[in-house]
Amino acid sequence: MGPPMCFALEDPKDYYSTLRISGIQAKIQHTSTHLGGAIPVKTKLEAVLYLLATGCNLKTLTHPFRLRKSTVCEFFQEVCEAILKH
């Protein structure tokens, strides 16, 4: 599970700091429930940034990120607001 290869840097620590996940992690992180696991913060951020950068449609995200369109719609605004506040 993950983004297209064009996103990945060789060093995961550099990748993490490049996205500056730590600053917005608390704002978009959710806990897992008995119904299923929470989507990782990194995946949410990558999906939203990919969508914003490429202008692709939501259907395009379903394969590389293994997310449903409805799922992306649920966290899209939340992630954008967290980015703007950070």
PDB file of N, CA and C in Angstrom:
ATOM      1  N   MET A   1       0.847  -1.170   0.000  1.00  0.00           N
ATOM      2  CA  MET A   1       0.000   0.000   0.000  1.00  0.00           C
ATOM      3  C   MET A   1       0.891   1.230   0.000  1.00  0.00           C
ATOM      4  N   GLY A   2       0.581   2.187  -0.824  1.00  0.00           N
ATOM      5  CA  GLY A   2       1.374   3.397  -0.811  1.00  0.00           C
ATOM      6  C   GLY A   2       1.234   4.192  -2.081  1.00  0.00           C
ATOM      7  N   PRO A   3       1.991   5.228  -2.144  1.00  0.00           N
ATOM      8  CA  PRO A   3       1.898   6.153  -3.261  1.00  0.00           C
ATOM      9  C   PRO A   3       2.632   5.642  -4.490  1.00  0.00           C
ATOM     10  N   PRO A   4       2.428   6.319  -5.597  1.00  0.00           N
ATOM     11  CA  PRO A   4       3.216   5.991  -6.770  1.00  0.00           C
ATOM     12  C   PRO A   4       4.700   6.195  -6.476  1.00  0.00           C
ATOM     13  N   MET A   5       5.546   5.506  -7.184  1.00  0.00           N
ATOM     14  CA  MET A   5       6.977   5.536  -6.914  1.00  0.00           C
ATOM     15  C   MET A   5       7.583   6.932  -7.045  1.00  0.00           C
ATOM     16  N   CYS A   6       6.966   7.831  -7.783  1.00  0.00           N
ATOM     17  CA  CYS A   6       7.539   9.167  -7.955  1.00  0.00           C
ATOM     18  C   CYS A   6       7.577   9.944  -6.648  1.00  0.00           C
ATOM     19  N   PHE A   7       6.803   9.528  -5.637  1.00  0.00           N
ATOM     20  CA  PHE A   7       6.787  10.217  -4.365  1.00  0.00           C
ATOM     21  C   PHE A   7       7.907   9.777  -3.433  1.00  0.00           C
ATOM     22  N   ALA A   8       8.319   8.551  -3.530  1.00  0.00           N
ATOM     23  CA  ALA A   8       9.214   7.979  -2.530  1.00  0.00           C
ATOM     24  C   ALA A   8      10.649   8.492  -2.690  1.00  0.00           C
ATOM     25  N   LEU A   9      11.222   8.890  -1.575  1.00  0.00           N
ATOM     26  CA  LEU A   9      12.640   9.197  -1.518  1.00  0.00           C
ATOM     27  C   LEU A   9      13.339   7.958  -0.987  1.00  0.00           C
ATOM     28  N   GLU A  10      14.629   7.873  -1.163  1.00  0.00           N
ATOM     29  CA  GLU A  10      15.323   6.674  -0.727  1.00  0.00           C
ATOM     30  C   GLU A  10      15.373   6.546   0.788  1.00  0.00           C
ATOM     31  N   ASP A  11      15.493   7.645   1.497  1.00  0.00           N
ATOM     32  CA  ASP A  11      15.581   7.599   2.951  1.00  0.00           C
ATOM     33  C   ASP A  11      14.222   7.956   3.552  1.00  0.00           C
ATOM     34  N   PRO A  12      13.583   7.030   4.267  1.00  0.00           N
ATOM     35  CA  PRO A  12      12.263   7.307   4.849  1.00  0.00           C
ATOM     36  C   PRO A  12      12.258   8.502   5.802  1.00  0.00           C
ATOM     37  N   LYS A  13      13.364   8.737   6.506  1.00  0.00           N
ATOM     38  CA  LYS A  13      13.423   9.881   7.426  1.00  0.00           C
ATOM     39  C   LYS A  13      13.372  11.200   6.649  1.00  0.00           C
ATOM     40  N   ASP A  14      14.089  11.253   5.530  1.00  0.00           N
ATOM     41  CA  ASP A  14      14.038  12.447   4.681  1.00  0.00           C
ATOM     42  C   ASP A  14      12.635  12.649   4.116  1.00  0.00           C
ATOM     43  N   TYR A  15      12.018  11.551   3.727  1.00  0.00           N
ATOM     44  CA  TYR A  15      10.661  11.619   3.195  1.00  0.00           C
ATOM     45  C   TYR A  15       9.702  12.162   4.236  1.00  0.00           C
ATOM     46  N   TYR A  16       9.812  11.655   5.445  1.00  0.00           N
ATOM     47  CA  TYR A  16       8.946  12.081   6.549  1.00  0.00           C
ATOM     48  C   TYR A  16       9.132  13.574   6.826  1.00  0.00           C
ATOM     49  N   SER A  17      10.381  14.019   6.870  1.00  0.00           N
ATOM     50  CA  SER A  17      10.625  15.433   7.158  1.00  0.00           C
ATOM     51  C   SER A  17      10.250  16.329   5.978  1.00  0.00           C
ATOM     52  N   THR A  18      10.365  15.803   4.754  1.00  0.00           N
ATOM     53  CA  THR A  18       9.970  16.573   3.577  1.00  0.00           C
ATOM     54  C   THR A  18       8.480  16.880   3.609  1.00  0.00           C
ATOM     55  N   LEU A  19       7.686  15.895   3.992  1.00  0.00           N
ATOM     56  CA  LEU A  19       6.243  16.105   4.083  1.00  0.00           C
ATOM     57  C   LEU A  19       5.842  16.838   5.365  1.00  0.00           C
ATOM     58  N   ARG A  20       6.750  16.933   6.309  1.00  0.00           N
ATOM     59  CA  ARG A  20       6.499  17.571   7.607  1.00  0.00           C
ATOM     60  C   ARG A  20       5.222  17.024   8.251  1.00  0.00           C
ATOM     61  N   ILE A  21       5.160  15.721   8.303  1.00  0.00           N
ATOM     62  CA  ILE A  21       3.987  15.053   8.847  1.00  0.00           C
ATOM     63  C   ILE A  21       3.810  15.343  10.323  1.00  0.00           C
ATOM     64  N   SER A  22       4.900  15.445  11.048  1.00  0.00           N
ATOM     65  CA  SER A  22       4.804  15.578  12.501  1.00  0.00           C
ATOM     66  C   SER A  22       3.983  16.791  12.918  1.00  0.00           C
ATOM     67  N   GLY A  23       4.027  17.876  12.159  1.00  0.00           N
ATOM     68  CA  GLY A  23       3.302  19.084  12.520  1.00  0.00           C
ATOM     69  C   GLY A  23       1.792  18.978  12.369  1.00  0.00           C
ATOM     70  N   ILE A  24       1.341  18.129  11.482  1.00  0.00           N
ATOM     71  CA  ILE A  24      -0.103  18.013  11.275  1.00  0.00           C
ATOM     72  C   ILE A  24      -0.669  16.667  11.701  1.00  0.00           C
ATOM     73  N   GLN A  25       0.207  15.796  12.169  1.00  0.00           N
ATOM     74  CA  GLN A  25      -0.211  14.441  12.505  1.00  0.00           C
ATOM     75  C   GLN A  25      -1.335  14.408  13.529  1.00  0.00           C
ATOM     76  N   ALA A  26      -1.222  15.193  14.573  1.00  0.00           N
ATOM     77  CA  ALA A  26      -2.239  15.179  15.629  1.00  0.00           C
ATOM     78  C   ALA A  26      -3.596  15.665  15.124  1.00  0.00           C
ATOM     79  N   LYS A  27      -3.578  16.503  14.107  1.00  0.00           N
ATOM     80  CA  LYS A  27      -4.822  17.080  13.597  1.00  0.00           C
ATOM     81  C   LYS A  27      -5.603  16.128  12.700  1.00  0.00           C
ATOM     82  N   ILE A  28      -4.910  15.188  12.074  1.00  0.00           N
ATOM     83  CA  ILE A  28      -5.604  14.306  11.136  1.00  0.00           C
ATOM     84  C   ILE A  28      -5.517  12.828  11.510  1.00  0.00           C
ATOM     85  N   GLN A  29      -4.929  12.527  12.644  1.00  0.00           N
ATOM     86  CA  GLN A  29      -4.799  11.128  13.064  1.00  0.00           C
ATOM     87  C   GLN A  29      -6.061  10.671  13.784  1.00  0.00           C
ATOM     88  N   HIS A  30      -6.506   9.479  13.462  1.00  0.00           N
ATOM     89  CA  HIS A  30      -7.666   8.880  14.109  1.00  0.00           C
ATOM     90  C   HIS A  30      -7.273   7.519  14.660  1.00  0.00           C
ATOM     91  N   THR A  31      -8.043   7.021  15.588  1.00  0.00           N
ATOM     92  CA  THR A  31      -7.752   5.713  16.162  1.00  0.00           C
ATOM     93  C   THR A  31      -8.538   4.633  15.437  1.00  0.00           C
ATOM     94  N   SER A  32      -7.994   3.451  15.455  1.00  0.00           N
ATOM     95  CA  SER A  32      -8.666   2.304  14.843  1.00  0.00           C
ATOM     96  C   SER A  32      -9.849   1.883  15.698  1.00  0.00           C
ATOM     97  N   THR A  33     -10.840   1.308  15.054  1.00  0.00           N
ATOM     98  CA  THR A  33     -12.008   0.795  15.763  1.00  0.00           C
ATOM     99  C   THR A  33     -12.157  -0.689  15.473  1.00  0.00           C
ATOM    100  N   HIS A  34     -13.140  -1.313  16.079  1.00  0.00           N
ATOM    101  CA  HIS A  34     -13.370  -2.726  15.813  1.00  0.00           C
ATOM    102  C   HIS A  34     -13.877  -2.966  14.391  1.00  0.00           C
ATOM    103  N   LEU A  35     -14.323  -1.920  13.722  1.00  0.00           N
ATOM    104  CA  LEU A  35     -14.800  -2.041  12.344  1.00  0.00           C
ATOM    105  C   LEU A  35     -13.668  -2.011  11.327  1.00  0.00           C
ATOM    106  N   GLY A  36     -12.536  -1.471  11.723  1.00  0.00           N
ATOM    107  CA  GLY A  36     -11.411  -1.422  10.794  1.00  0.00           C
ATOM    108  C   GLY A  36     -10.323  -0.495  11.279  1.00  0.00           C
ATOM    109  N   GLY A  37      -9.172  -0.592  10.658  1.00  0.00           N
ATOM    110  CA  GLY A  37      -8.042   0.243  11.026  1.00  0.00           C
ATOM    111  C   GLY A  37      -8.154   1.638  10.454  1.00  0.00           C
ATOM    112  N   ALA A  38      -7.580   2.582  11.164  1.00  0.00           N
ATOM    113  CA  ALA A  38      -7.562   3.964  10.699  1.00  0.00           C
ATOM    114  C   ALA A  38      -6.567   4.100   9.546  1.00  0.00           C
ATOM    115  N   ILE A  39      -6.852   4.993   8.639  1.00  0.00           N
ATOM    116  CA  ILE A  39      -5.949   5.257   7.517  1.00  0.00           C
ATOM    117  C   ILE A  39      -4.743   6.005   8.072  1.00  0.00           C
ATOM    118  N   PRO A  40      -3.534   5.556   7.761  1.00  0.00           N
ATOM    119  CA  PRO A  40      -2.343   6.239   8.273  1.00  0.00           C
ATOM    120  C   PRO A  40      -2.277   7.698   7.811  1.00  0.00           C
ATOM    121  N   VAL A  41      -1.742   8.540   8.665  1.00  0.00           N
ATOM    122  CA  VAL A  41      -1.607   9.970   8.364  1.00  0.00           C
ATOM    123  C   VAL A  41      -0.801  10.167   7.080  1.00  0.00           C
ATOM    124  N   LYS A  42       0.255   9.409   6.933  1.00  0.00           N
ATOM    125  CA  LYS A  42       1.110   9.523   5.752  1.00  0.00           C
ATOM    126  C   LYS A  42       0.314   9.262   4.470  1.00  0.00           C
ATOM    127  N   THR A  43      -0.537   8.261   4.483  1.00  0.00           N
ATOM    128  CA  THR A  43      -1.351   7.933   3.315  1.00  0.00           C
ATOM    129  C   THR A  43      -2.338   9.047   3.005  1.00  0.00           C
ATOM    130  N   LYS A  44      -2.976   9.578   4.042  1.00  0.00           N
ATOM    131  CA  LYS A  44      -3.921  10.686   3.833  1.00  0.00           C
ATOM    132  C   LYS A  44      -3.224  11.880   3.204  1.00  0.00           C
ATOM    133  N   LEU A  45      -2.088  12.244   3.765  1.00  0.00           N
ATOM    134  CA  LEU A  45      -1.358  13.413   3.272  1.00  0.00           C
ATOM    135  C   LEU A  45      -0.868  13.203   1.847  1.00  0.00           C
ATOM    136  N   GLU A  46      -0.331  12.023   1.571  1.00  0.00           N
ATOM    137  CA  GLU A  46       0.140  11.732   0.217  1.00  0.00           C
ATOM    138  C   GLU A  46      -0.996  11.782  -0.793  1.00  0.00           C
ATOM    139  N   ALA A  47      -2.131  11.219  -0.451  1.00  0.00           N
ATOM    140  CA  ALA A  47      -3.267  11.199  -1.375  1.00  0.00           C
ATOM    141  C   ALA A  47      -3.761  12.606  -1.672  1.00  0.00           C
ATOM    142  N   VAL A  48      -3.875  13.426  -0.645  1.00  0.00           N
ATOM    143  CA  VAL A  48      -4.356  14.801  -0.840  1.00  0.00           C
ATOM    144  C   VAL A  48      -3.345  15.617  -1.637  1.00  0.00           C
ATOM    145  N   LEU A  49      -2.071  15.499  -1.301  1.00  0.00           N
ATOM    146  CA  LEU A  49      -1.058  16.241  -2.045  1.00  0.00           C
ATOM    147  C   LEU A  49      -0.996  15.795  -3.511  1.00  0.00           C
ATOM    148  N   TYR A  50      -1.141  14.509  -3.744  1.00  0.00           N
ATOM    149  CA  TYR A  50      -1.158  13.990  -5.116  1.00  0.00           C
ATOM    150  C   TYR A  50      -2.355  14.553  -5.884  1.00  0.00           C
ATOM    151  N   LEU A  51      -3.495  14.575  -5.244  1.00  0.00           N
ATOM    152  CA  LEU A  51      -4.703  15.095  -5.870  1.00  0.00           C
ATOM    153  C   LEU A  51      -4.557  16.577  -6.195  1.00  0.00           C
ATOM    154  N   LEU A  52      -4.034  17.340  -5.246  1.00  0.00           N
ATOM    155  CA  LEU A  52      -3.859  18.779  -5.457  1.00  0.00           C
ATOM    156  C   LEU A  52      -2.783  19.070  -6.512  1.00  0.00           C
ATOM    157  N   ALA A  53      -1.708  18.319  -6.503  1.00  0.00           N
ATOM    158  CA  ALA A  53      -0.593  18.576  -7.420  1.00  0.00           C
ATOM    159  C   ALA A  53      -0.909  18.197  -8.857  1.00  0.00           C
ATOM    160  N   THR A  54      -1.647  17.119  -9.042  1.00  0.00           N
ATOM    161  CA  THR A  54      -1.887  16.638 -10.398  1.00  0.00           C
ATOM    162  C   THR A  54      -3.220  17.095 -10.977  1.00  0.00           C
ATOM    163  N   GLY A  55      -4.161  17.429 -10.107  1.00  0.00           N
ATOM    164  CA  GLY A  55      -5.484  17.798 -10.587  1.00  0.00           C
ATOM    165  C   GLY A  55      -6.279  16.613 -11.096  1.00  0.00           C
ATOM    166  N   CYS A  56      -5.838  15.421 -10.726  1.00  0.00           N
ATOM    167  CA  CYS A  56      -6.540  14.218 -11.173  1.00  0.00           C
ATOM    168  C   CYS A  56      -7.899  14.109 -10.474  1.00  0.00           C
ATOM    169  N   ASN A  57      -8.703  13.188 -10.943  1.00  0.00           N
ATOM    170  CA  ASN A  57      -9.995  13.002 -10.291  1.00  0.00           C
ATOM    171  C   ASN A  57      -9.861  11.964  -9.174  1.00  0.00           C
ATOM    172  N   LEU A  58     -10.893  11.853  -8.364  1.00  0.00           N
ATOM    173  CA  LEU A  58     -10.846  10.943  -7.215  1.00  0.00           C
ATOM    174  C   LEU A  58     -10.698   9.481  -7.632  1.00  0.00           C
ATOM    175  N   LYS A  59     -11.251   9.129  -8.765  1.00  0.00           N
ATOM    176  CA  LYS A  59     -11.160   7.745  -9.226  1.00  0.00           C
ATOM    177  C   LYS A  59      -9.709   7.341  -9.471  1.00  0.00           C
ATOM    178  N   THR A  60      -8.888   8.298  -9.885  1.00  0.00           N
ATOM    179  CA  THR A  60      -7.479   8.032 -10.145  1.00  0.00           C
ATOM    180  C   THR A  60      -6.749   7.582  -8.879  1.00  0.00           C
ATOM    181  N   LEU A  61      -7.197   8.040  -7.727  1.00  0.00           N
ATOM    182  CA  LEU A  61      -6.529   7.698  -6.468  1.00  0.00           C
ATOM    183  C   LEU A  61      -6.861   6.300  -5.965  1.00  0.00           C
ATOM    184  N   THR A  62      -7.877   5.691  -6.510  1.00  0.00           N
ATOM    185  CA  THR A  62      -8.320   4.409  -5.973  1.00  0.00           C
ATOM    186  C   THR A  62      -7.272   3.308  -6.120  1.00  0.00           C
ATOM    187  N   HIS A  63      -6.503   3.311  -7.186  1.00  0.00           N
ATOM    188  CA  HIS A  63      -5.533   2.233  -7.397  1.00  0.00           C
ATOM    189  C   HIS A  63      -4.214   2.453  -6.657  1.00  0.00           C
ATOM    190  N   PRO A  64      -3.513   3.569  -6.841  1.00  0.00           N
ATOM    191  CA  PRO A  64      -2.205   3.687  -6.183  1.00  0.00           C
ATOM    192  C   PRO A  64      -2.288   3.773  -4.659  1.00  0.00           C
ATOM    193  N   PHE A  65      -3.369   4.324  -4.136  1.00  0.00           N
ATOM    194  CA  PHE A  65      -3.477   4.493  -2.689  1.00  0.00           C
ATOM    195  C   PHE A  65      -4.416   3.479  -2.041  1.00  0.00           C
ATOM    196  N   ARG A  66      -5.109   2.703  -2.861  1.00  0.00           N
ATOM    197  CA  ARG A  66      -6.055   1.698  -2.369  1.00  0.00           C
ATOM    198  C   ARG A  66      -7.091   2.303  -1.421  1.00  0.00           C
ATOM    199  N   LEU A  67      -7.644   3.406  -1.865  1.00  0.00           N
ATOM    200  CA  LEU A  67      -8.689   4.106  -1.118  1.00  0.00           C
ATOM    201  C   LEU A  67      -9.914   4.251  -2.001  1.00  0.00           C
ATOM    202  N   ARG A  68     -11.083   4.231  -1.384  1.00  0.00           N
ATOM    203  CA  ARG A  68     -12.299   4.481  -2.154  1.00  0.00           C
ATOM    204  C   ARG A  68     -12.498   5.978  -2.309  1.00  0.00           C
ATOM    205  N   LYS A  69     -13.221   6.343  -3.355  1.00  0.00           N
ATOM    206  CA  LYS A  69     -13.499   7.768  -3.587  1.00  0.00           C
ATOM    207  C   LYS A  69     -14.183   8.377  -2.377  1.00  0.00           C
ATOM    208  N   SER A  70     -15.138   7.676  -1.805  1.00  0.00           N
ATOM    209  CA  SER A  70     -15.875   8.200  -0.657  1.00  0.00           C
ATOM    210  C   SER A  70     -14.956   8.402   0.551  1.00  0.00           C
ATOM    211  N   THR A  71     -13.960   7.564   0.689  1.00  0.00           N
ATOM    212  CA  THR A  71     -13.012   7.693   1.796  1.00  0.00           C
ATOM    213  C   THR A  71     -12.174   8.945   1.638  1.00  0.00           C
ATOM    214  N   VAL A  72     -11.689   9.192   0.437  1.00  0.00           N
ATOM    215  CA  VAL A  72     -10.894  10.399   0.183  1.00  0.00           C
ATOM    216  C   VAL A  72     -11.740  11.643   0.443  1.00  0.00           C
ATOM    217  N   CYS A  73     -12.992  11.616   0.029  1.00  0.00           N
ATOM    218  CA  CYS A  73     -13.889  12.748   0.267  1.00  0.00           C
ATOM    219  C   CYS A  73     -14.044  13.028   1.753  1.00  0.00           C
ATOM    220  N   GLU A  74     -14.037  11.976   2.555  1.00  0.00           N
ATOM    221  CA  GLU A  74     -14.209  12.147   3.996  1.00  0.00           C
ATOM    222  C   GLU A  74     -13.045  12.890   4.635  1.00  0.00           C
ATOM    223  N   PHE A  75     -11.813  12.620   4.218  1.00  0.00           N
ATOM    224  CA  PHE A  75     -10.686  13.268   4.883  1.00  0.00           C
ATOM    225  C   PHE A  75     -10.043  14.401   4.088  1.00  0.00           C
ATOM    226  N   PHE A  76     -10.477  14.654   2.869  1.00  0.00           N
ATOM    227  CA  PHE A  76      -9.861  15.681   2.036  1.00  0.00           C
ATOM    228  C   PHE A  76      -9.877  17.058   2.701  1.00  0.00           C
ATOM    229  N   GLN A  77     -11.024  17.509   3.133  1.00  0.00           N
ATOM    230  CA  GLN A  77     -11.126  18.837   3.742  1.00  0.00           C
ATOM    231  C   GLN A  77     -10.348  18.907   5.052  1.00  0.00           C
ATOM    232  N   GLU A  78     -10.420  17.855   5.836  1.00  0.00           N
ATOM    233  CA  GLU A  78      -9.707  17.817   7.107  1.00  0.00           C
ATOM    234  C   GLU A  78      -8.195  17.981   6.908  1.00  0.00           C
ATOM    235  N   VAL A  79      -7.647  17.290   5.918  1.00  0.00           N
ATOM    236  CA  VAL A  79      -6.217  17.368   5.639  1.00  0.00           C
ATOM    237  C   VAL A  79      -5.859  18.750   5.090  1.00  0.00           C
ATOM    238  N   CYS A  80      -6.652  19.294   4.198  1.00  0.00           N
ATOM    239  CA  CYS A  80      -6.383  20.628   3.651  1.00  0.00           C
ATOM    240  C   CYS A  80      -6.383  21.688   4.751  1.00  0.00           C
ATOM    241  N   GLU A  81      -7.327  21.614   5.669  1.00  0.00           N
ATOM    242  CA  GLU A  81      -7.382  22.564   6.779  1.00  0.00           C
ATOM    243  C   GLU A  81      -6.159  22.419   7.682  1.00  0.00           C
ATOM    244  N   ALA A  82      -5.729  21.199   7.932  1.00  0.00           N
ATOM    245  CA  ALA A  82      -4.547  20.970   8.760  1.00  0.00           C
ATOM    246  C   ALA A  82      -3.285  21.530   8.101  1.00  0.00           C
ATOM    247  N   ILE A  83      -3.192  21.383   6.772  1.00  0.00           N
ATOM    248  CA  ILE A  83      -2.055  21.927   6.042  1.00  0.00           C
ATOM    249  C   ILE A  83      -2.052  23.445   6.128  1.00  0.00           C
ATOM    250  N   LEU A  84      -3.206  24.066   5.939  1.00  0.00           N
ATOM    251  CA  LEU A  84      -3.281  25.530   5.979  1.00  0.00           C
ATOM    252  C   LEU A  84      -2.953  26.080   7.367  1.00  0.00           C
ATOM    253  N   LYS A  85      -3.368  25.383   8.405  1.00  0.00           N
ATOM    254  CA  LYS A  85      -3.106  25.850   9.772  1.00  0.00           C
ATOM    255  C   LYS A  85      -1.665  25.616  10.195  1.00  0.00           C
ATOM    256  N   HIS A  86      -1.014  24.677   9.552  1.00  0.00           N
ATOM    257  CA  HIS A  86       0.378  24.366   9.899  1.00  0.00           C
ATOM    258  C   HIS A  86       1.265  25.367   9.229  1.00  0.00           C
TER     259      HIS A  86
END
